Protein backbone atom coordinates (compact mmCIF):
# COMPACT_ATOMS: atom_id res chain seq x y z
CA UNK A 1 -0.15 0.22 -0.13
CA UNK A 2 1.30 3.44 -1.15
CA UNK A 3 1.04 6.24 1.26
CA UNK A 4 0.37 9.59 -0.43
CA UNK A 5 2.05 12.54 1.62
CA UNK A 6 -0.15 15.65 1.81
CA UNK A 7 0.78 18.33 -0.56
CA UNK A 8 2.40 21.02 1.10
CA UNK A 9 1.47 23.77 -1.91
CA UNK A 10 -2.04 22.45 -2.80
CA UNK A 11 -3.55 26.03 -1.85
CA UNK A 12 -0.86 27.94 -3.52
CA UNK A 13 -1.89 26.28 -6.81
CA UNK A 14 -5.21 28.25 -6.99
CA UNK A 15 -4.69 31.71 -8.78
CA UNK A 16 -7.42 33.53 -6.43
CA UNK A 17 -5.57 32.50 -3.33
CA UNK A 18 -2.40 33.63 -4.63
CA UNK A 19 -3.84 37.18 -4.99
CA UNK A 20 -5.21 36.98 -1.80
CA UNK A 21 -2.01 36.26 -0.10
CA UNK A 22 -0.19 38.87 -2.21
CA UNK A 23 -2.69 41.44 -0.78
CA UNK A 24 -2.32 39.86 2.74
CA UNK A 25 1.35 40.45 2.38
CA UNK A 26 1.30 44.16 1.17
CA UNK A 27 -1.07 45.28 3.79
CA UNK A 28 0.83 43.60 6.41
CA UNK A 29 3.79 44.91 5.39
CA UNK A 30 2.56 48.37 5.33
CA UNK A 31 0.91 48.00 8.95
CA UNK A 32 3.87 46.58 10.38
CA UNK A 33 6.15 49.35 8.83
CA UNK A 34 3.90 51.71 10.50
CA UNK A 35 3.79 49.87 13.63
CA UNK A 36 7.68 50.16 14.25
CA UNK A 37 8.19 53.61 12.49
CA UNK A 38 5.38 55.26 14.57
CA UNK A 39 6.67 53.84 17.53
CA UNK A 40 10.06 55.24 17.15
CA UNK A 41 8.82 58.34 15.88
CA UNK A 42 6.81 59.12 18.84
CA UNK A 43 9.61 58.04 21.19
CA UNK A 44 11.91 60.35 19.57
CA UNK A 45 9.39 63.14 20.08
CA UNK A 46 8.49 62.44 23.94
CA UNK A 47 11.08 60.23 25.30
CA UNK A 48 7.96 58.68 27.28
CA UNK A 49 7.17 54.75 27.12
CA UNK A 50 3.88 55.61 28.28
CA UNK A 51 3.27 57.24 24.95
CA UNK A 52 4.12 54.11 23.28
CA UNK A 53 1.32 52.43 25.09
CA UNK A 54 -1.07 55.23 24.02
CA UNK A 55 -0.37 54.30 20.46
CA UNK A 56 -1.79 50.87 21.20
CA UNK A 57 -4.66 52.28 23.01
CA UNK A 58 -5.52 54.80 20.25
CA UNK A 59 -5.73 51.68 17.59
CA UNK A 60 -7.71 49.19 19.99
CA UNK A 61 -10.37 51.52 21.07
CA UNK A 62 -11.89 51.91 17.43
CA UNK A 63 -11.04 48.24 16.56
CA UNK A 64 -12.92 46.92 19.38
CA UNK A 65 -15.88 49.52 19.17
CA UNK A 66 -16.45 48.60 15.45
CA UNK A 67 -15.75 44.79 15.17
CA UNK A 68 -19.05 43.40 15.94
CA UNK A 69 -20.74 45.58 13.45
CA UNK A 70 -18.13 44.83 10.90
CA UNK A 71 -18.53 41.15 11.57
CA UNK A 72 -22.27 41.33 10.99
CA UNK A 73 -21.52 43.29 7.49
CA UNK A 74 -18.91 40.52 6.34
CA UNK A 75 -21.49 38.08 6.60
CA UNK A 76 -24.21 40.24 4.92
CA UNK A 77 -22.23 42.12 2.31
CA UNK A 78 -19.49 41.23 -0.21
CA UNK A 79 -16.36 40.55 1.55
CA UNK A 80 -13.98 41.56 -1.17
CA UNK A 81 -15.37 44.86 -1.57
CA UNK A 82 -15.31 45.39 2.30
CA UNK A 83 -11.28 44.89 1.86
CA UNK A 84 -11.06 47.29 -0.79
CA UNK A 85 -12.58 49.76 1.37
CA UNK A 86 -10.12 48.95 4.39
CA UNK A 87 -7.02 49.09 2.00
CA UNK A 88 -8.27 52.32 0.59
CA UNK A 89 -8.46 53.86 4.02
CA UNK A 90 -5.22 52.49 5.06
CA UNK A 91 -3.66 54.27 1.96
CA UNK A 92 -5.20 57.55 3.11
CA UNK A 93 -3.83 57.09 6.49
CA UNK A 94 -0.34 56.43 5.29
CA UNK A 95 -0.49 59.72 3.07
CA UNK A 96 -1.40 61.39 6.07
CA UNK A 97 1.39 60.31 7.98
CA UNK A 98 3.67 61.25 5.15
CA UNK A 99 2.27 64.87 5.20
CA UNK A 100 2.92 64.91 9.03
CA UNK A 101 6.43 63.79 8.58
CA UNK A 102 7.15 66.12 6.06
CA UNK A 103 5.98 69.00 8.38
CA UNK A 104 7.80 67.52 11.45
CA UNK A 105 10.08 70.72 11.47
CA UNK A 106 7.32 73.25 11.18
CA UNK A 107 4.48 71.94 13.18
CA UNK A 108 4.45 72.30 17.27
CA UNK A 109 4.93 68.87 18.93
CA UNK A 110 1.31 68.76 20.24
CA UNK A 111 -0.22 69.03 16.80
CA UNK A 112 2.30 66.27 15.64
CA UNK A 113 1.30 64.03 18.29
CA UNK A 114 -2.40 64.85 17.98
CA UNK A 115 -2.06 64.24 14.32
CA UNK A 116 -0.22 60.94 14.60
CA UNK A 117 -2.79 59.52 17.03
CA UNK A 118 -5.76 60.66 15.09
CA UNK A 119 -4.24 58.50 12.02
CA UNK A 120 -3.64 55.63 14.33
CA UNK A 121 -7.53 55.88 15.31
CA UNK A 122 -8.43 55.68 11.88
CA UNK A 123 -6.19 52.61 11.02
CA UNK A 124 -8.00 50.99 13.83
CA UNK A 125 -11.20 51.30 12.29
CA UNK A 126 -9.86 50.02 9.26
CA UNK A 127 -8.26 47.09 10.90
CA UNK A 128 -11.60 46.54 12.85
CA UNK A 129 -13.47 45.85 9.55
CA UNK A 130 -10.23 44.19 7.75
CA UNK A 131 -10.10 41.01 10.10
CA UNK A 132 -13.64 39.57 9.70
CA UNK A 133 -13.61 40.15 6.05
CA UNK A 134 -10.21 38.82 5.53
CA UNK A 135 -11.07 35.79 7.62
CA UNK A 136 -14.44 35.15 6.03
CA UNK A 137 -13.09 35.61 2.46
CA UNK A 138 -10.19 32.98 2.64
CA UNK A 139 -12.46 29.68 2.80
CA UNK A 140 -14.38 31.02 -0.33
CA UNK A 141 -11.13 30.89 -2.42
CA UNK A 142 -10.18 27.22 -1.92
CA UNK A 143 -11.59 23.86 -1.48
CA UNK A 144 -12.31 23.05 1.99
CA UNK A 145 -10.24 19.85 1.70
CA UNK A 146 -6.98 21.99 1.58
CA UNK A 147 -8.19 24.42 4.12
CA UNK A 148 -5.58 23.48 6.73
CA UNK A 149 -2.74 23.89 3.96
CA UNK A 150 -4.36 27.51 3.05
CA UNK A 151 -4.34 28.30 6.87
CA UNK A 152 -0.75 27.59 7.10
CA UNK A 153 0.29 29.35 4.06
CA UNK A 154 -1.78 32.50 5.45
CA UNK A 155 -0.12 32.60 8.49
CA UNK A 156 3.39 32.10 6.82
CA UNK A 157 2.41 34.94 4.65
CA UNK A 158 1.63 37.22 7.70
CA UNK A 159 4.86 36.13 9.25
CA UNK A 160 6.96 36.94 6.16
CA UNK A 161 5.52 40.04 5.90
CA UNK A 162 5.99 40.83 9.54
CA UNK A 163 9.80 40.04 9.42
CA UNK A 164 10.20 41.84 6.37
CA UNK A 165 7.93 44.90 7.37
CA UNK A 166 9.33 45.14 10.91
CA UNK A 167 13.07 44.94 9.67
CA UNK A 168 12.33 47.14 6.61
CA UNK A 169 10.77 49.92 8.93
CA UNK A 170 13.70 50.10 11.32
CA UNK A 171 16.07 50.15 8.52
CA UNK A 172 14.10 52.61 6.54
CA UNK A 173 13.78 54.69 9.58
CA UNK A 174 17.27 54.53 10.61
CA UNK A 175 18.91 55.22 6.92
CA UNK A 176 16.34 56.93 4.86
CA UNK A 177 14.22 58.64 7.49
CA UNK A 178 10.84 58.71 8.48
CA UNK A 179 9.60 60.41 5.27
CA UNK A 180 10.72 57.82 2.99
CA UNK A 181 9.17 55.26 5.58
CA UNK A 182 5.70 56.31 5.40
CA UNK A 183 5.98 56.80 1.46
CA UNK A 184 7.19 53.24 1.16
CA UNK A 185 3.96 52.29 3.24
CA UNK A 186 1.63 54.05 0.75
CA UNK A 187 3.36 52.40 -1.96
CA UNK A 188 2.58 49.02 -0.34
CA UNK A 189 -1.12 49.96 -0.04
CA UNK A 190 -1.44 50.65 -3.88
CA UNK A 191 0.04 47.14 -4.63
CA UNK A 192 -2.44 45.52 -1.98
CA UNK A 193 -5.29 47.65 -3.72
CA UNK A 194 -4.08 46.08 -7.15
CA UNK A 195 -4.05 42.50 -6.06
CA UNK A 196 -7.30 42.63 -4.24
CA UNK A 197 -9.03 43.82 -7.53
CA UNK A 198 -7.64 40.79 -9.22
CA UNK A 199 -9.89 38.31 -7.13
CA UNK A 200 -13.53 37.86 -8.69
CA UNK A 201 -16.35 38.85 -6.33
CA UNK A 202 -17.79 35.71 -4.27
CA UNK A 203 -21.21 35.58 -3.39
CA UNK A 204 -22.03 35.90 0.31
CA UNK A 205 -22.93 32.33 1.79
CA UNK A 206 -26.93 31.99 1.97
CA UNK A 207 -28.52 32.83 5.11
CA UNK A 208 -31.34 35.08 6.41
CA UNK A 209 -30.28 38.55 6.17
CA UNK A 210 -33.42 40.18 7.09
CA UNK A 211 -32.65 39.72 10.73
CA UNK A 212 -31.96 42.99 12.88
CA UNK A 213 -28.11 43.43 13.14
CA UNK A 214 -28.36 43.30 16.98
CA UNK A 215 -30.04 39.70 16.57
CA UNK A 216 -27.27 38.57 14.09
CA UNK A 217 -24.42 39.99 16.24
CA UNK A 218 -25.95 38.14 19.44
CA UNK A 219 -26.08 35.15 17.25
CA UNK A 220 -22.06 35.21 16.81
CA UNK A 221 -21.46 36.06 20.42
CA UNK A 222 -23.71 32.97 21.41
CA UNK A 223 -21.95 30.61 19.15
CA UNK A 224 -18.54 31.51 20.47
CA UNK A 225 -19.33 31.65 24.27
CA UNK A 226 -21.08 28.42 23.99
CA UNK A 227 -18.16 26.30 22.16
CA UNK A 228 -15.51 25.38 24.91
CA UNK A 229 -12.93 24.65 22.33
CA UNK A 230 -13.39 28.25 20.57
CA UNK A 231 -13.65 30.40 23.63
CA UNK A 232 -10.52 28.82 25.56
CA UNK A 233 -8.53 29.11 22.84
CA UNK A 234 -9.31 32.69 22.37
CA UNK A 235 -8.93 33.47 26.01
CA UNK A 236 -5.79 31.52 26.30
CA UNK A 237 -4.36 33.89 23.24
CA UNK A 238 -6.13 36.98 24.62
CA UNK A 239 -4.30 36.72 28.03
CA UNK A 240 -0.96 35.68 26.83
CA UNK A 241 -0.77 38.51 24.40
CA UNK A 242 -2.30 40.93 26.81
CA UNK A 243 0.46 40.10 29.48
CA UNK A 244 3.33 39.30 26.99
CA UNK A 245 3.20 42.35 25.17
CA UNK A 246 6.93 43.14 25.71
CA UNK A 247 7.14 44.03 22.04
CA UNK A 248 5.39 47.46 22.57
CA UNK A 249 8.48 48.42 24.87
CA UNK A 250 11.44 47.18 22.10
CA UNK A 251 11.90 50.89 21.36
CA UNK A 252 12.90 51.20 25.06
CA UNK A 253 14.93 48.17 25.10
CA UNK A 254 16.87 49.28 21.64
CA UNK A 255 17.44 52.81 22.70
CA UNK A 256 18.12 52.63 26.68
CA UNK A 257 19.02 48.99 27.61
CA UNK A 258 20.67 47.35 24.78
CA UNK A 259 21.58 50.50 22.93
CA UNK A 260 21.30 49.27 19.27
CA UNK A 261 19.33 52.26 17.79
CA UNK A 262 16.36 51.98 15.23
CA UNK A 263 18.32 49.34 13.19
CA UNK A 264 18.79 47.00 16.14
CA UNK A 265 14.93 47.64 16.91
CA UNK A 266 14.07 46.62 13.39
CA UNK A 267 16.04 43.25 13.86
CA UNK A 268 14.37 42.78 17.26
CA UNK A 269 11.21 43.26 16.09
CA UNK A 270 11.70 40.86 13.29
CA UNK A 271 12.74 37.98 15.67
CA UNK A 272 9.50 36.75 16.77
CA UNK A 273 8.50 36.31 12.81
CA UNK A 274 11.71 34.79 12.06
CA UNK A 275 10.62 31.78 14.68
CA UNK A 276 6.97 31.88 13.63
CA UNK A 277 7.57 31.68 10.00
CA UNK A 278 10.15 28.79 10.52
CA UNK A 279 7.47 27.06 12.38
CA UNK A 280 4.73 27.90 9.92
CA UNK A 281 6.76 26.26 7.03
CA UNK A 282 7.23 23.07 9.07
CA UNK A 283 3.43 23.05 9.73
CA UNK A 284 2.73 23.13 6.07
CA UNK A 285 4.95 19.98 5.34
CA UNK A 286 3.96 18.53 8.60
CA UNK A 287 0.55 19.25 9.51
CA UNK A 288 -0.79 19.12 13.03
CA UNK A 289 -1.74 15.86 14.51
CA UNK A 290 -2.49 14.25 17.91
CA UNK A 291 -2.23 15.91 21.22
CA UNK A 292 -2.65 19.46 19.62
CA UNK A 293 -4.11 20.83 22.74
CA UNK A 294 -1.43 19.76 25.14
CA UNK A 295 1.12 21.14 22.50
CA UNK A 296 -0.68 24.46 22.43
CA UNK A 297 -0.73 25.03 26.17
CA UNK A 298 2.97 23.82 26.52
CA UNK A 299 3.78 26.38 23.38
CA UNK A 300 1.96 29.33 25.29
CA UNK A 301 4.02 28.53 28.57
CA UNK A 302 7.10 28.32 26.59
CA UNK A 303 6.17 31.80 25.06
CA UNK A 304 5.81 33.23 28.88
CA UNK A 305 9.16 31.82 29.60
CA UNK A 306 10.95 33.47 26.58
CA UNK A 307 9.29 36.82 27.55
CA UNK A 308 10.83 36.27 31.14
CA UNK A 309 14.22 35.44 29.49
CA UNK A 310 14.02 38.46 27.32
CA UNK A 311 13.29 40.80 30.09
CA UNK A 312 16.28 39.57 32.07
CA UNK A 313 18.81 39.77 29.06
CA UNK A 314 21.36 42.27 28.64
CA UNK A 315 22.78 41.05 25.39
CA UNK A 316 21.53 41.81 22.04
CA UNK A 317 21.68 38.54 20.38
CA UNK A 318 20.52 36.71 23.48
CA UNK A 319 17.54 39.00 23.60
CA UNK A 320 16.97 38.06 19.83
CA UNK A 321 17.14 34.44 20.74
CA UNK A 322 14.42 34.64 23.36
CA UNK A 323 12.15 36.76 20.97
CA UNK A 324 12.86 34.02 18.22
CA UNK A 325 11.85 31.10 20.33
CA UNK A 326 8.65 33.27 21.53
CA UNK A 327 7.64 33.37 17.96
CA UNK A 328 8.34 29.64 17.31
CA UNK A 329 5.89 28.89 20.25
CA UNK A 330 3.52 31.59 19.31
CA UNK A 331 2.91 30.05 15.67
CA UNK A 332 1.70 26.79 16.78
CA UNK A 333 -1.08 28.46 19.12
CA UNK A 334 -1.97 30.92 16.32
CA UNK A 335 -2.28 27.87 13.92
CA UNK A 336 -4.27 25.76 16.09
CA UNK A 337 -6.52 28.64 17.19
CA UNK A 338 -7.16 29.61 13.48
CA UNK A 339 -7.78 26.05 12.38
CA UNK A 340 -10.43 25.47 15.20
CA UNK A 341 -12.45 28.65 14.09
CA UNK A 342 -12.09 27.73 10.40
CA UNK A 343 -13.51 24.27 10.90
CA UNK A 344 -16.00 24.80 13.77
CA UNK A 345 -17.80 28.02 12.38
CA UNK A 346 -20.37 27.64 9.77
CA UNK A 347 -19.62 29.77 6.26
CA UNK A 348 -22.58 32.12 7.18
CA UNK A 349 -21.21 32.96 10.59
CA UNK A 350 -17.41 33.28 9.81
CA UNK A 351 -17.50 37.11 9.69
CA UNK A 352 -19.32 37.58 13.13
CA UNK A 353 -17.22 34.86 14.82
CA UNK A 354 -13.93 36.32 13.46
CA UNK A 355 -15.06 39.65 14.73
CA UNK A 356 -15.42 38.17 18.37
CA UNK A 357 -11.96 36.61 17.97
CA UNK A 358 -10.66 40.09 16.70
CA UNK A 359 -11.84 41.90 19.95
CA UNK A 360 -10.15 39.37 22.07
CA UNK A 361 -6.89 38.76 19.94
CA UNK A 362 -6.21 41.30 17.49
CA UNK A 363 -7.05 44.04 19.56
CA UNK A 364 -5.32 42.47 22.59
CA UNK A 365 -2.10 43.41 21.05
CA UNK A 366 -2.79 46.96 21.32
CA UNK A 367 -4.30 46.53 24.89
CA UNK A 368 -1.41 44.48 25.98
CA UNK A 369 0.90 47.44 24.51
CA UNK A 370 -0.89 50.00 26.77
CA UNK A 371 -0.71 47.69 29.74
CA UNK A 372 2.98 47.14 28.97
CA UNK A 373 3.58 50.99 28.63
CA UNK A 374 1.52 51.75 31.66
CA UNK A 375 3.38 49.03 33.98
CA UNK A 376 6.78 50.23 32.51
CA UNK A 377 5.97 53.81 33.76
CA UNK A 378 4.89 52.74 37.31
CA UNK A 379 7.22 49.74 37.99
CA UNK A 380 10.08 50.15 35.11
CA UNK A 381 10.70 48.40 31.95
CA UNK A 382 12.23 45.30 33.01
CA UNK A 383 9.80 44.49 35.78
CA UNK A 384 6.95 45.37 33.30
CA UNK A 385 8.16 42.49 31.06
CA UNK A 386 8.91 40.02 33.87
CA UNK A 387 5.55 40.61 35.30
CA UNK A 388 3.75 39.71 31.92
CA UNK A 389 5.72 36.62 31.21
CA UNK A 390 4.91 35.35 34.87
CA UNK A 391 1.16 36.25 34.20
CA UNK A 392 1.10 34.26 30.79
CA UNK A 393 2.37 31.04 32.68
CA UNK A 394 -0.18 31.44 35.40
CA UNK A 395 -2.73 31.63 32.53
CA UNK A 396 -1.96 28.45 31.11
CA UNK A 397 -1.90 26.52 34.35
CA UNK A 398 -5.59 28.00 34.93
CA UNK A 399 -6.59 27.05 31.32
CA UNK A 400 -5.05 23.35 32.10
CA UNK A 401 -7.54 23.22 35.08
CA UNK A 402 -10.77 24.96 33.53
CA UNK A 403 -10.81 23.50 29.83
CA UNK A 404 -10.29 20.00 29.64
CA UNK A 405 -11.69 19.88 25.81
CA UNK A 406 -8.80 22.13 24.91
CA UNK A 407 -6.19 20.18 26.74
CA UNK A 408 -7.39 17.03 25.22
CA UNK A 409 -7.77 18.34 21.79
CA UNK A 410 -6.74 15.75 19.10
CA UNK A 411 -6.68 17.56 15.62
CA UNK A 412 -6.97 14.43 13.67
CA UNK A 413 -10.22 13.76 15.19
CA UNK A 414 -11.41 17.37 14.63
CA UNK A 415 -10.67 17.01 10.95
CA UNK A 416 -12.40 13.88 10.70
CA UNK A 417 -15.58 15.16 12.21
CA UNK A 418 -15.19 17.78 9.93
């Protein structure tokens, strides 16, 4: 009997999916370049780590506020068109940042900061719509029997863009200046727009769209909170990201502790993505199987341990290593959570379920950034990171106790049930 190995490149053979990945890569590059450059720009202007936390808060508040409504719209209207609107908004935001950077020597500091935070607020609105529409469109582009492979390459693409975007953002900022950095971001948004327009529109999955929005939103919330596998995976990632948000303080580590400047900051910001992309490629060739739940819990605990190690490190390459390993552990968690949601969520509810996930996960990065900035202001940068890593490990122990279905998750059985 001949055993056929899974095709690691099955999803990549679908043209529409390739355009989707190209769009995802360009938007992620733009967002990550903005993340590292705006953070360093604001820290250069203020020298205050708390102001870095406010960047995260300015993006998280609108993203959280709009997510449930955005999920409802993603299940009711054309998902591709929603993504087009999101990318256009990001393009306008990048042009606004470019204008502010060009006028930085003539505008008062308060005006500059107000403008920056206003633009970040608008990107938060865009990302609030982007996440559910992006999540819901993906399974419409490929056959469901290659969905795990599509999920893996989607994650890989995000990680590749992250490592490139974060590194490129730091290098552009350090060598070409902030104006060139934001101009690059605008160009990437134009490319993303070009790619998404190459994808033909897909009809929204059939469902009763006549129900009031509030009823449809409640249906999505009820589905998530009644499924122990989904809600426990979301909660685990939520608290891990919330308390393990050391990335928001990297400008402080790069400038004041490790003393490596914006170029070193770009390398440090890329470290987690290097680890994650390595793991994602491995998962594409060797898909997850048995004991997925236990492995996920162990990896989240490992993530917390790496955050503690990073906080204690005083050497640049040791810090890079801890962040690299944190990315390795985090990718396993991201892969399992994304797969759970795609497999367990009906097509006509993917937008709403993803919006709930977006509130708890995507926005938790920004809330975690604010928490890290606040605790760094109150207790110091290093104690803030150590506290976050310790809390992450405690959350894992709590999840082992309270979520037996996640602990005992067998990925092979989940796919068979599907």
